[in-house]
Amino acid sequence: MRRVIEERAAEMADVPGGSSGLLVKTYKGKDAATAVYKFDAALVKGLRETCKQVAIEIGQWAEKRNVTLAGDLGVRILAARKRVMEREAAGK
């Protein structure tokens, strides 16, 4: 993927944004004579997925999880939050 980006960057250096290597050149119109440049979202998605897979394999990726409060500590924290909310409501 990196090589594709580097080659596109060199090939499209004269096009605005082309030096990023993230544009794709297609043609449209009668006889396909008009060049159209578009962002290559599929390539970027592939890069992102590859980076995520590497991070997972080396242990640097963690999914967000909902933390539940259990036991006495959880009950006390929830009660404290409730008291704070009640005081704020009474003060307004």
PDB file of N, CA and C in Angstrom:
ATOM      1  N   MET A   1       0.828  -1.186   0.000  1.00  0.00           N
ATOM      2  CA  MET A   1       0.000   0.000   0.000  1.00  0.00           C
ATOM      3  C   MET A   1       0.872   1.250   0.000  1.00  0.00           C
ATOM      4  N   ARG A   2       1.944   1.187   0.773  1.00  0.00           N
ATOM      5  CA  ARG A   2       2.847   2.336   0.811  1.00  0.00           C
ATOM      6  C   ARG A   2       3.445   2.614  -0.562  1.00  0.00           C
ATOM      7  N   ARG A   3       3.770   1.547  -1.260  1.00  0.00           N
ATOM      8  CA  ARG A   3       4.367   1.710  -2.588  1.00  0.00           C
ATOM      9  C   ARG A   3       3.366   2.337  -3.556  1.00  0.00           C
ATOM     10  N   VAL A   4       2.127   1.934  -3.486  1.00  0.00           N
ATOM     11  CA  VAL A   4       1.090   2.523  -4.333  1.00  0.00           C
ATOM     12  C   VAL A   4       0.978   4.015  -4.052  1.00  0.00           C
ATOM     13  N   ILE A   5       0.971   4.389  -2.783  1.00  0.00           N
ATOM     14  CA  ILE A   5       0.877   5.797  -2.399  1.00  0.00           C
ATOM     15  C   ILE A   5       2.071   6.577  -2.934  1.00  0.00           C
ATOM     16  N   GLU A   6       3.268   6.026  -2.777  1.00  0.00           N
ATOM     17  CA  GLU A   6       4.473   6.715  -3.246  1.00  0.00           C
ATOM     18  C   GLU A   6       4.471   6.887  -4.760  1.00  0.00           C
ATOM     19  N   GLU A   7       4.057   5.852  -5.492  1.00  0.00           N
ATOM     20  CA  GLU A   7       4.022   5.945  -6.948  1.00  0.00           C
ATOM     21  C   GLU A   7       2.961   6.928  -7.429  1.00  0.00           C
ATOM     22  N   ARG A   8       1.803   6.917  -6.784  1.00  0.00           N
ATOM     23  CA  ARG A   8       0.765   7.896  -7.154  1.00  0.00           C
ATOM     24  C   ARG A   8       1.224   9.312  -6.859  1.00  0.00           C
ATOM     25  N   ALA A   9       1.905   9.502  -5.744  1.00  0.00           N
ATOM     26  CA  ALA A   9       2.382  10.835  -5.380  1.00  0.00           C
ATOM     27  C   ALA A   9       3.344  11.367  -6.435  1.00  0.00           C
ATOM     28  N   ALA A  10       4.219  10.520  -6.915  1.00  0.00           N
ATOM     29  CA  ALA A  10       5.163  10.951  -7.949  1.00  0.00           C
ATOM     30  C   ALA A  10       4.450  11.213  -9.269  1.00  0.00           C
ATOM     31  N   GLU A  11       3.487  10.362  -9.607  1.00  0.00           N
ATOM     32  CA  GLU A  11       2.778  10.484 -10.878  1.00  0.00           C
ATOM     33  C   GLU A  11       1.866  11.702 -10.928  1.00  0.00           C
ATOM     34  N   MET A  12       1.222  12.031  -9.798  1.00  0.00           N
ATOM     35  CA  MET A  12       0.241  13.123  -9.775  1.00  0.00           C
ATOM     36  C   MET A  12       0.736  14.350  -9.020  1.00  0.00           C
ATOM     37  N   ALA A  13       2.023  14.585  -9.013  1.00  0.00           N
ATOM     38  CA  ALA A  13       2.585  15.707  -8.260  1.00  0.00           C
ATOM     39  C   ALA A  13       2.065  17.054  -8.756  1.00  0.00           C
ATOM     40  N   ASP A  14       1.686  17.145 -10.034  1.00  0.00           N
ATOM     41  CA  ASP A  14       1.233  18.416 -10.592  1.00  0.00           C
ATOM     42  C   ASP A  14      -0.255  18.688 -10.345  1.00  0.00           C
ATOM     43  N   VAL A  15      -0.981  17.725  -9.792  1.00  0.00           N
ATOM     44  CA  VAL A  15      -2.413  17.874  -9.496  1.00  0.00           C
ATOM     45  C   VAL A  15      -2.557  18.346  -8.051  1.00  0.00           C
ATOM     46  N   PRO A  16      -3.440  19.335  -7.780  1.00  0.00           N
ATOM     47  CA  PRO A  16      -3.641  19.760  -6.395  1.00  0.00           C
ATOM     48  C   PRO A  16      -4.040  18.577  -5.507  1.00  0.00           C
ATOM     49  N   GLY A  17      -3.269  18.323  -4.479  1.00  0.00           N
ATOM     50  CA  GLY A  17      -3.512  17.206  -3.572  1.00  0.00           C
ATOM     51  C   GLY A  17      -2.933  15.892  -4.062  1.00  0.00           C
ATOM     52  N   GLY A  18      -2.438  15.885  -5.264  1.00  0.00           N
ATOM     53  CA  GLY A  18      -1.913  14.652  -5.841  1.00  0.00           C
ATOM     54  C   GLY A  18      -0.636  14.174  -5.198  1.00  0.00           C
ATOM     55  N   SER A  19       0.138  15.080  -4.656  1.00  0.00           N
ATOM     56  CA  SER A  19       1.403  14.693  -4.030  1.00  0.00           C
ATOM     57  C   SER A  19       1.197  13.891  -2.745  1.00  0.00           C
ATOM     58  N   SER A  20      -0.050  13.845  -2.256  1.00  0.00           N
ATOM     59  CA  SER A  20      -0.337  13.016  -1.076  1.00  0.00           C
ATOM     60  C   SER A  20      -0.351  11.539  -1.440  1.00  0.00           C
ATOM     61  N   GLY A  21      -0.616  11.236  -2.709  1.00  0.00           N
ATOM     62  CA  GLY A  21      -0.703   9.851  -3.142  1.00  0.00           C
ATOM     63  C   GLY A  21      -2.020   9.196  -2.802  1.00  0.00           C
ATOM     64  N   LEU A  22      -2.981   9.981  -2.344  1.00  0.00           N
ATOM     65  CA  LEU A  22      -4.265   9.424  -1.921  1.00  0.00           C
ATOM     66  C   LEU A  22      -5.385   9.724  -2.905  1.00  0.00           C
ATOM     67  N   LEU A  23      -5.036  10.135  -4.126  1.00  0.00           N
ATOM     68  CA  LEU A  23      -6.035  10.394  -5.142  1.00  0.00           C
ATOM     69  C   LEU A  23      -6.016   9.307  -6.200  1.00  0.00           C
ATOM     70  N   VAL A  24      -7.182   9.073  -6.789  1.00  0.00           N
ATOM     71  CA  VAL A  24      -7.329   8.121  -7.882  1.00  0.00           C
ATOM     72  C   VAL A  24      -7.802   8.903  -9.096  1.00  0.00           C
ATOM     73  N   LYS A  25      -7.234   8.602 -10.245  1.00  0.00           N
ATOM     74  CA  LYS A  25      -7.610   9.282 -11.479  1.00  0.00           C
ATOM     75  C   LYS A  25      -8.558   8.381 -12.267  1.00  0.00           C
ATOM     76  N   THR A  26      -9.738   8.913 -12.555  1.00  0.00           N
ATOM     77  CA  THR A  26     -10.691   8.206 -13.402  1.00  0.00           C
ATOM     78  C   THR A  26     -11.103   9.153 -14.522  1.00  0.00           C
ATOM     79  N   TYR A  27     -11.831   8.635 -15.470  1.00  0.00           N
ATOM     80  CA  TYR A  27     -12.270   9.451 -16.602  1.00  0.00           C
ATOM     81  C   TYR A  27     -13.775   9.381 -16.718  1.00  0.00           C
ATOM     82  N   LYS A  28     -14.368  10.497 -17.174  1.00  0.00           N
ATOM     83  CA  LYS A  28     -15.811  10.516 -17.395  1.00  0.00           C
ATOM     84  C   LYS A  28     -16.113  11.373 -18.609  1.00  0.00           C
ATOM     85  N   GLY A  29     -17.351  11.333 -18.994  1.00  0.00           N
ATOM     86  CA  GLY A  29     -17.781  12.128 -20.137  1.00  0.00           C
ATOM     87  C   GLY A  29     -17.753  11.332 -21.418  1.00  0.00           C
ATOM     88  N   LYS A  30     -18.117  11.996 -22.494  1.00  0.00           N
ATOM     89  CA  LYS A  30     -18.142  11.356 -23.808  1.00  0.00           C
ATOM     90  C   LYS A  30     -16.731  10.951 -24.185  1.00  0.00           C
ATOM     91  N   ASP A  31     -16.569   9.720 -24.579  1.00  0.00           N
ATOM     92  CA  ASP A  31     -15.272   9.152 -24.945  1.00  0.00           C
ATOM     93  C   ASP A  31     -14.286   9.140 -23.776  1.00  0.00           C
ATOM     94  N   ALA A  32     -14.779   9.284 -22.574  1.00  0.00           N
ATOM     95  CA  ALA A  32     -13.943   9.279 -21.361  1.00  0.00           C
ATOM     96  C   ALA A  32     -12.748  10.211 -21.516  1.00  0.00           C
ATOM     97  N   ALA A  33     -13.055  11.446 -21.866  1.00  0.00           N
ATOM     98  CA  ALA A  33     -11.989  12.412 -22.135  1.00  0.00           C
ATOM     99  C   ALA A  33     -11.680  13.326 -20.955  1.00  0.00           C
ATOM    100  N   THR A  34     -12.562  13.398 -19.980  1.00  0.00           N
ATOM    101  CA  THR A  34     -12.372  14.301 -18.846  1.00  0.00           C
ATOM    102  C   THR A  34     -11.812  13.531 -17.652  1.00  0.00           C
ATOM    103  N   ALA A  35     -10.660  13.967 -17.181  1.00  0.00           N
ATOM    104  CA  ALA A  35     -10.045  13.322 -16.015  1.00  0.00           C
ATOM    105  C   ALA A  35     -10.719  13.817 -14.736  1.00  0.00           C
ATOM    106  N   VAL A  36     -11.008  12.888 -13.850  1.00  0.00           N
ATOM    107  CA  VAL A  36     -11.619  13.208 -12.557  1.00  0.00           C
ATOM    108  C   VAL A  36     -10.745  12.588 -11.471  1.00  0.00           C
ATOM    109  N   TYR A  37     -10.414  13.371 -10.444  1.00  0.00           N
ATOM    110  CA  TYR A  37      -9.580  12.896  -9.345  1.00  0.00           C
ATOM    111  C   TYR A  37     -10.440  12.763  -8.098  1.00  0.00           C
ATOM    112  N   LYS A  38     -10.351  11.605  -7.461  1.00  0.00           N
ATOM    113  CA  LYS A  38     -11.129  11.353  -6.247  1.00  0.00           C
ATOM    114  C   LYS A  38     -10.227  10.791  -5.161  1.00  0.00           C
ATOM    115  N   PHE A  39     -10.627  11.062  -3.923  1.00  0.00           N
ATOM    116  CA  PHE A  39      -9.938  10.527  -2.756  1.00  0.00           C
ATOM    117  C   PHE A  39     -10.136   9.018  -2.708  1.00  0.00           C
ATOM    118  N   ASP A  40      -9.073   8.268  -2.493  1.00  0.00           N
ATOM    119  CA  ASP A  40      -9.136   6.805  -2.458  1.00  0.00           C
ATOM    120  C   ASP A  40      -9.416   6.342  -1.030  1.00  0.00           C
ATOM    121  N   ALA A  41     -10.697   6.341  -0.665  1.00  0.00           N
ATOM    122  CA  ALA A  41     -11.107   5.963   0.690  1.00  0.00           C
ATOM    123  C   ALA A  41     -10.808   4.495   0.971  1.00  0.00           C
ATOM    124  N   ALA A  42     -10.896   3.652  -0.037  1.00  0.00           N
ATOM    125  CA  ALA A  42     -10.643   2.222   0.171  1.00  0.00           C
ATOM    126  C   ALA A  42      -9.188   1.980   0.571  1.00  0.00           C
ATOM    127  N   LEU A  43      -8.273   2.709  -0.020  1.00  0.00           N
ATOM    128  CA  LEU A  43      -6.861   2.561   0.330  1.00  0.00           C
ATOM    129  C   LEU A  43      -6.607   3.002   1.772  1.00  0.00           C
ATOM    130  N   VAL A  44      -7.185   4.117   2.157  1.00  0.00           N
ATOM    131  CA  VAL A  44      -7.014   4.615   3.524  1.00  0.00           C
ATOM    132  C   VAL A  44      -7.646   3.649   4.528  1.00  0.00           C
ATOM    133  N   LYS A  45      -8.804   3.079   4.171  1.00  0.00           N
ATOM    134  CA  LYS A  45      -9.444   2.100   5.049  1.00  0.00           C
ATOM    135  C   LYS A  45      -8.550   0.875   5.228  1.00  0.00           C
ATOM    136  N   GLY A  46      -7.933   0.437   4.141  1.00  0.00           N
ATOM    137  CA  GLY A  46      -7.016  -0.697   4.226  1.00  0.00           C
ATOM    138  C   GLY A  46      -5.822  -0.401   5.116  1.00  0.00           C
ATOM    139  N   LEU A  47      -5.268   0.803   5.002  1.00  0.00           N
ATOM    140  CA  LEU A  47      -4.150   1.203   5.870  1.00  0.00           C
ATOM    141  C   LEU A  47      -4.571   1.206   7.336  1.00  0.00           C
ATOM    142  N   ARG A  48      -5.749   1.770   7.589  1.00  0.00           N
ATOM    143  CA  ARG A  48      -6.249   1.846   8.969  1.00  0.00           C
ATOM    144  C   ARG A  48      -6.464   0.450   9.551  1.00  0.00           C
ATOM    145  N   GLU A  49      -7.041  -0.443   8.761  1.00  0.00           N
ATOM    146  CA  GLU A  49      -7.275  -1.796   9.245  1.00  0.00           C
ATOM    147  C   GLU A  49      -5.972  -2.546   9.487  1.00  0.00           C
ATOM    148  N   THR A  50      -4.985  -2.313   8.630  1.00  0.00           N
ATOM    149  CA  THR A  50      -3.679  -2.948   8.820  1.00  0.00           C
ATOM    150  C   THR A  50      -3.019  -2.447  10.097  1.00  0.00           C
ATOM    151  N   CYS A  51      -3.075  -1.141  10.319  1.00  0.00           N
ATOM    152  CA  CYS A  51      -2.492  -0.571  11.542  1.00  0.00           C
ATOM    153  C   CYS A  51      -3.196  -1.104  12.786  1.00  0.00           C
ATOM    154  N   LYS A  52      -4.517  -1.250  12.716  1.00  0.00           N
ATOM    155  CA  LYS A  52      -5.271  -1.781  13.850  1.00  0.00           C
ATOM    156  C   LYS A  52      -4.850  -3.223  14.130  1.00  0.00           C
ATOM    157  N   GLN A  53      -4.703  -4.023  13.077  1.00  0.00           N
ATOM    158  CA  GLN A  53      -4.311  -5.423  13.255  1.00  0.00           C
ATOM    159  C   GLN A  53      -2.929  -5.523  13.893  1.00  0.00           C
ATOM    160  N   VAL A  54      -2.007  -4.679  13.457  1.00  0.00           N
ATOM    161  CA  VAL A  54      -0.667  -4.677  14.052  1.00  0.00           C
ATOM    162  C   VAL A  54      -0.745  -4.305  15.529  1.00  0.00           C
ATOM    163  N   ALA A  55      -1.527  -3.271  15.841  1.00  0.00           N
ATOM    164  CA  ALA A  55      -1.666  -2.842  17.238  1.00  0.00           C
ATOM    165  C   ALA A  55      -2.273  -3.946  18.101  1.00  0.00           C
ATOM    166  N   ILE A  56      -3.241  -4.678  17.552  1.00  0.00           N
ATOM    167  CA  ILE A  56      -3.844  -5.790  18.294  1.00  0.00           C
ATOM    168  C   ILE A  56      -2.799  -6.861  18.568  1.00  0.00           C
ATOM    169  N   GLU A  57      -2.016  -7.192  17.538  1.00  0.00           N
ATOM    170  CA  GLU A  57      -1.040  -8.270  17.684  1.00  0.00           C
ATOM    171  C   GLU A  57       0.091  -7.939  18.654  1.00  0.00           C
ATOM    172  N   ILE A  58       0.447  -6.658  18.782  1.00  0.00           N
ATOM    173  CA  ILE A  58       1.527  -6.314  19.714  1.00  0.00           C
ATOM    174  C   ILE A  58       0.995  -5.835  21.062  1.00  0.00           C
ATOM    175  N   GLY A  59      -0.338  -5.895  21.226  1.00  0.00           N
ATOM    176  CA  GLY A  59      -0.927  -5.599  22.527  1.00  0.00           C
ATOM    177  C   GLY A  59      -1.143  -4.131  22.828  1.00  0.00           C
ATOM    178  N   GLN A  60      -1.193  -3.286  21.809  1.00  0.00           N
ATOM    179  CA  GLN A  60      -1.407  -1.860  22.031  1.00  0.00           C
ATOM    180  C   GLN A  60      -2.824  -1.413  21.694  1.00  0.00           C
ATOM    181  N   TRP A  61      -3.733  -2.349  21.486  1.00  0.00           N
ATOM    182  CA  TRP A  61      -5.110  -2.010  21.125  1.00  0.00           C
ATOM    183  C   TRP A  61      -6.044  -2.562  22.187  1.00  0.00           C
ATOM    184  N   ALA A  62      -6.937  -1.732  22.638  1.00  0.00           N
ATOM    185  CA  ALA A  62      -7.936  -2.179  23.607  1.00  0.00           C
ATOM    186  C   ALA A  62      -9.273  -1.575  23.224  1.00  0.00           C
ATOM    187  N   GLU A  63     -10.294  -2.392  23.214  1.00  0.00           N
ATOM    188  CA  GLU A  63     -11.641  -1.916  22.926  1.00  0.00           C
ATOM    189  C   GLU A  63     -12.188  -1.216  24.154  1.00  0.00           C
ATOM    190  N   LYS A  64     -13.020  -0.196  23.919  1.00  0.00           N
ATOM    191  CA  LYS A  64     -13.662   0.472  25.046  1.00  0.00           C
ATOM    192  C   LYS A  64     -14.696  -0.465  25.646  1.00  0.00           C
ATOM    193  N   ARG A  65     -14.757  -0.454  26.956  1.00  0.00           N
ATOM    194  CA  ARG A  65     -15.704  -1.312  27.649  1.00  0.00           C
ATOM    195  C   ARG A  65     -16.470  -0.486  28.667  1.00  0.00           C
ATOM    196  N   ASN A  66     -17.697  -0.867  28.899  1.00  0.00           N
ATOM    197  CA  ASN A  66     -18.489  -0.231  29.946  1.00  0.00           C
ATOM    198  C   ASN A  66     -18.064  -0.817  31.285  1.00  0.00           C
ATOM    199  N   VAL A  67     -17.755   0.046  32.211  1.00  0.00           N
ATOM    200  CA  VAL A  67     -17.344  -0.402  33.531  1.00  0.00           C
ATOM    201  C   VAL A  67     -18.567  -0.375  34.438  1.00  0.00           C
ATOM    202  N   THR A  68     -18.810  -1.470  35.097  1.00  0.00           N
ATOM    203  CA  THR A  68     -19.928  -1.526  36.033  1.00  0.00           C
ATOM    204  C   THR A  68     -19.381  -1.492  37.449  1.00  0.00           C
ATOM    205  N   LEU A  69     -20.105  -0.813  38.284  1.00  0.00           N
ATOM    206  CA  LEU A  69     -19.706  -0.714  39.681  1.00  0.00           C
ATOM    207  C   LEU A  69     -20.432  -1.804  40.460  1.00  0.00           C
ATOM    208  N   ALA A  70     -19.669  -2.646  41.096  1.00  0.00           N
ATOM    209  CA  ALA A  70     -20.272  -3.752  41.844  1.00  0.00           C
ATOM    210  C   ALA A  70     -19.820  -3.689  43.295  1.00  0.00           C
ATOM    211  N   GLY A  71     -20.624  -4.266  44.114  1.00  0.00           N
ATOM    212  CA  GLY A  71     -20.263  -4.365  45.525  1.00  0.00           C
ATOM    213  C   GLY A  71     -20.516  -3.081  46.283  1.00  0.00           C
ATOM    214  N   ASP A  72     -19.979  -3.038  47.497  1.00  0.00           N
ATOM    215  CA  ASP A  72     -20.185  -1.916  48.410  1.00  0.00           C
ATOM    216  C   ASP A  72     -19.620  -0.612  47.857  1.00  0.00           C
ATOM    217  N   LEU A  73     -18.455  -0.671  47.263  1.00  0.00           N
ATOM    218  CA  LEU A  73     -17.843   0.547  46.721  1.00  0.00           C
ATOM    219  C   LEU A  73     -18.720   1.158  45.643  1.00  0.00           C
ATOM    220  N   GLY A  74     -19.243   0.330  44.749  1.00  0.00           N
ATOM    221  CA  GLY A  74     -20.113   0.824  43.691  1.00  0.00           C
ATOM    222  C   GLY A  74     -21.361   1.488  44.240  1.00  0.00           C
ATOM    223  N   VAL A  75     -21.953   0.893  45.237  1.00  0.00           N
ATOM    224  CA  VAL A  75     -23.159   1.448  45.858  1.00  0.00           C
ATOM    225  C   VAL A  75     -22.844   2.795  46.487  1.00  0.00           C
ATOM    226  N   ARG A  76     -21.716   2.895  47.171  1.00  0.00           N
ATOM    227  CA  ARG A  76     -21.338   4.154  47.823  1.00  0.00           C
ATOM    228  C   ARG A  76     -21.062   5.253  46.813  1.00  0.00           C
ATOM    229  N   ILE A  77     -20.398   4.907  45.706  1.00  0.00           N
ATOM    230  CA  ILE A  77     -20.104   5.912  44.670  1.00  0.00           C
ATOM    231  C   ILE A  77     -21.400   6.411  44.044  1.00  0.00           C
ATOM    232  N   LEU A  78     -22.297   5.507  43.726  1.00  0.00           N
ATOM    233  CA  LEU A  78     -23.576   5.923  43.134  1.00  0.00           C
ATOM    234  C   LEU A  78     -24.387   6.785  44.102  1.00  0.00           C
ATOM    235  N   ALA A  79     -24.363   6.451  45.385  1.00  0.00           N
ATOM    236  CA  ALA A  79     -25.077   7.250  46.386  1.00  0.00           C
ATOM    237  C   ALA A  79     -24.470   8.643  46.487  1.00  0.00           C
ATOM    238  N   ALA A  80     -23.148   8.733  46.432  1.00  0.00           N
ATOM    239  CA  ALA A  80     -22.481  10.035  46.493  1.00  0.00           C
ATOM    240  C   ALA A  80     -22.839  10.876  45.274  1.00  0.00           C
ATOM    241  N   ARG A  81     -22.868  10.268  44.110  1.00  0.00           N
ATOM    242  CA  ARG A  81     -23.248  11.001  42.899  1.00  0.00           C
ATOM    243  C   ARG A  81     -24.686  11.518  43.019  1.00  0.00           C
ATOM    244  N   LYS A  82     -25.556  10.693  43.562  1.00  0.00           N
ATOM    245  CA  LYS A  82     -26.948  11.089  43.722  1.00  0.00           C
ATOM    246  C   LYS A  82     -27.062  12.281  44.670  1.00  0.00           C
ATOM    247  N   ARG A  83     -26.306  12.252  45.781  1.00  0.00           N
ATOM    248  CA  ARG A  83     -26.331  13.370  46.730  1.00  0.00           C
ATOM    249  C   ARG A  83     -25.842  14.654  46.082  1.00  0.00           C
ATOM    250  N   VAL A  84     -24.798  14.573  45.292  1.00  0.00           N
ATOM    251  CA  VAL A  84     -24.265  15.761  44.614  1.00  0.00           C
ATOM    252  C   VAL A  84     -25.305  16.333  43.663  1.00  0.00           C
ATOM    253  N   MET A  85     -25.961  15.473  42.918  1.00  0.00           N
ATOM    254  CA  MET A  85     -26.980  15.934  41.978  1.00  0.00           C
ATOM    255  C   MET A  85     -28.158  16.576  42.709  1.00  0.00           C
ATOM    256  N   GLU A  86     -28.549  16.000  43.842  1.00  0.00           N
ATOM    257  CA  GLU A  86     -29.653  16.549  44.632  1.00  0.00           C
ATOM    258  C   GLU A  86     -29.277  17.929  45.191  1.00  0.00           C
ATOM    259  N   ARG A  87     -28.037  18.097  45.676  1.00  0.00           N
ATOM    260  CA  ARG A  87     -27.596  19.398  46.194  1.00  0.00           C
ATOM    261  C   ARG A  87     -27.576  20.438  45.090  1.00  0.00           C
ATOM    262  N   GLU A  88     -27.106  20.038  43.907  1.00  0.00           N
ATOM    263  CA  GLU A  88     -27.068  20.985  42.794  1.00  0.00           C
ATOM    264  C   GLU A  88     -28.467  21.385  42.386  1.00  0.00           C
ATOM    265  N   ALA A  89     -29.395  20.440  42.387  1.00  0.00           N
ATOM    266  CA  ALA A  89     -30.790  20.730  42.016  1.00  0.00           C
ATOM    267  C   ALA A  89     -31.433  21.646  43.050  1.00  0.00           C
ATOM    268  N   ALA A  90     -31.132  21.447  44.335  1.00  0.00           N
ATOM    269  CA  ALA A  90     -31.722  22.253  45.409  1.00  0.00           C
ATOM    270  C   ALA A  90     -31.147  23.670  45.384  1.00  0.00           C
ATOM    271  N   GLY A  91     -29.927  23.822  44.949  1.00  0.00           N
ATOM    272  CA  GLY A  91     -29.295  25.141  44.925  1.00  0.00           C
ATOM    273  C   GLY A  91     -29.728  26.001  43.757  1.00  0.00           C
ATOM    274  N   LYS A  92     -30.358  25.416  42.787  1.00  0.00           N
ATOM    275  CA  LYS A  92     -30.772  26.198  41.603  1.00  0.00           C
ATOM    276  C   LYS A  92     -32.145  26.722  41.723  1.00  0.00           C
TER     277      LYS A  92
END
